C-alpha atoms as a PDB file:
ATOM      1  CA  MET A   1     -19.299  18.139  -7.402  1.00  0.00           C
ATOM      2  CA  LEU A   2     -15.503  17.629  -7.221  1.00  0.00           C
ATOM      3  CA  ILE A   3     -15.718  16.715  -3.599  1.00  0.00           C
ATOM      4  CA  GLU A   4     -18.218  14.064  -4.255  1.00  0.00           C
ATOM      5  CA  LYS A   5     -16.071  12.592  -7.016  1.00  0.00           C
ATOM      6  CA  PHE A   6     -13.142  12.472  -4.612  1.00  0.00           C
ATOM      7  CA  PHE A   7     -15.106  10.654  -1.826  1.00  0.00           C
ATOM      8  CA  ASP A   8     -16.516   8.259  -4.364  1.00  0.00           C
ATOM      9  CA  HIS A   9     -12.885   7.441  -5.430  1.00  0.00           C
ATOM     10  CA  ILE A  10     -11.783   7.039  -1.709  1.00  0.00           C
ATOM     11  CA  SER A  11     -14.687   4.779  -1.236  1.00  0.00           C
ATOM     12  CA  ASN A  12     -14.240   2.736  -4.280  1.00  0.00           C
ATOM     13  CA  TRP A  13     -10.552   2.361  -3.875  1.00  0.00           C
ATOM     14  CA  LYS A  14     -10.277   2.013  -0.228  1.00  0.00           C
ATOM     15  CA  MET A  15      -8.573  -1.319   0.033  1.00  0.00           C
ATOM     16  CA  ALA A  16      -6.132  -0.184  -2.616  1.00  0.00           C
ATOM     17  CA  TRP A  17      -5.294   2.864  -0.566  1.00  0.00           C
ATOM     18  CA  PHE A  18      -5.084   1.085   2.721  1.00  0.00           C
ATOM     19  CA  GLY A  19      -2.535  -1.373   1.199  1.00  0.00           C
ATOM     20  CA  LEU A  20      -0.289   1.492  -0.196  1.00  0.00           C
ATOM     21  CA  ILE A  21      -0.344   3.612   2.853  1.00  0.00           C
ATOM     22  CA  PHE A  22      -0.695   1.246   5.965  1.00  0.00           C
ATOM     23  CA  LEU A  23       0.829  -1.999   4.833  1.00  0.00           C
ATOM     24  CA  GLY A  24       3.373  -0.224   2.795  1.00  0.00           C
ATOM     25  CA  SER A  25       4.524   1.602   5.959  1.00  0.00           C
ATOM     26  CA  ILE A  26       4.718  -1.598   8.008  1.00  0.00           C
ATOM     27  CA  ILE A  27       6.524  -3.389   5.400  1.00  0.00           C
ATOM     28  CA  ASN A  28       8.982  -0.401   4.915  1.00  0.00           C
ATOM     29  CA  ALA A  29       9.493  -0.255   8.798  1.00  0.00           C
ATOM     30  CA  VAL A  30      10.154  -4.019   9.091  1.00  0.00           C
ATOM     31  CA  LEU A  31      12.654  -4.053   6.145  1.00  0.00           C
ATOM     32  CA  GLN A  32      14.310  -0.854   7.399  1.00  0.00           C
ATOM     33  CA  LYS A  33      14.946  -2.511  10.860  1.00  0.00           C
ATOM     34  CA  SER A  34      16.082  -5.872   9.410  1.00  0.00           C
ATOM     35  CA  SER A  35      19.728  -6.306   8.530  1.00  0.00           C
ATOM     36  CA  LEU A  36      18.719  -8.384   5.428  1.00  0.00           C
ATOM     37  CA  VAL A  37      18.465  -5.535   3.182  1.00  0.00           C
ATOM     38  CA  GLY A  38      21.136  -2.985   4.530  1.00  0.00           C
ATOM     39  CA  ASP A  39      20.875   0.594   3.320  1.00  0.00           C
ATOM     40  CA  SER A  40      19.444   0.093   0.031  1.00  0.00           C
ATOM     41  CA  PRO A  41      17.728   3.237  -1.286  1.00  0.00           C
ATOM     42  CA  TYR A  42      15.046   1.126  -3.049  1.00  0.00           C
ATOM     43  CA  VAL A  43      13.683  -0.448   0.181  1.00  0.00           C
ATOM     44  CA  SER A  44      10.824   2.220   0.480  1.00  0.00           C
ATOM     45  CA  VAL A  45       9.918   1.705  -3.275  1.00  0.00           C
ATOM     46  CA  PHE A  46       9.795  -2.124  -2.944  1.00  0.00           C
ATOM     47  CA  ALA A  47       7.846  -1.829   0.381  1.00  0.00           C
ATOM     48  CA  PHE A  48       5.246   0.687  -0.745  1.00  0.00           C
ATOM     49  CA  GLY A  49       5.014  -1.160  -4.166  1.00  0.00           C
ATOM     50  CA  ALA A  50       4.260  -4.499  -2.373  1.00  0.00           C
ATOM     51  CA  GLY A  51       1.556  -2.755  -0.240  1.00  0.00           C
ATOM     52  CA  ALA A  52      -0.073  -1.352  -3.325  1.00  0.00           C
ATOM     53  CA  LEU A  53       0.009  -4.618  -4.934  1.00  0.00           C
ATOM     54  CA  ILE A  54      -1.539  -6.278  -1.952  1.00  0.00           C
ATOM     55  CA  GLY A  55      -4.209  -3.618  -1.788  1.00  0.00           C
ATOM     56  CA  LEU A  56      -4.774  -3.660  -5.521  1.00  0.00           C
ATOM     57  CA  VAL A  57      -5.230  -7.604  -5.407  1.00  0.00           C
ATOM     58  CA  ALA A  58      -7.669  -7.140  -2.495  1.00  0.00           C
ATOM     59  CA  LYS A  59      -9.635  -4.612  -4.511  1.00  0.00           C
ATOM     60  CA  ILE A  60      -9.944  -6.745  -7.666  1.00  0.00           C
ATOM     61  CA  ARG A  61     -10.856  -9.821  -5.680  1.00  0.00           C
ATOM     62  CA  GLY A  62     -13.194  -7.842  -3.211  1.00  0.00           C
ATOM     63  CA  ALA A  63     -11.578  -9.193  -0.030  1.00  0.00           C
ATOM     64  CA  TRP A  64      -8.188  -9.444   1.634  1.00  0.00           C
ATOM     65  CA  LEU A  65      -6.048 -12.453   0.949  1.00  0.00           C
END
């Protein structure tokens, strides 16, 4: 029962999770390597937040931007 709920959650929110984990990681790596942001401690928070926002918008719309 609990495992079924877990897999249902993953299936329903897959775009949001993809945005958070995959896109957030890519945005974080790009920002860490760029010289624009420097050594700000909030770069990772911004990057993963942006990835989560993109994934959430994709889930609401039903498709990627």
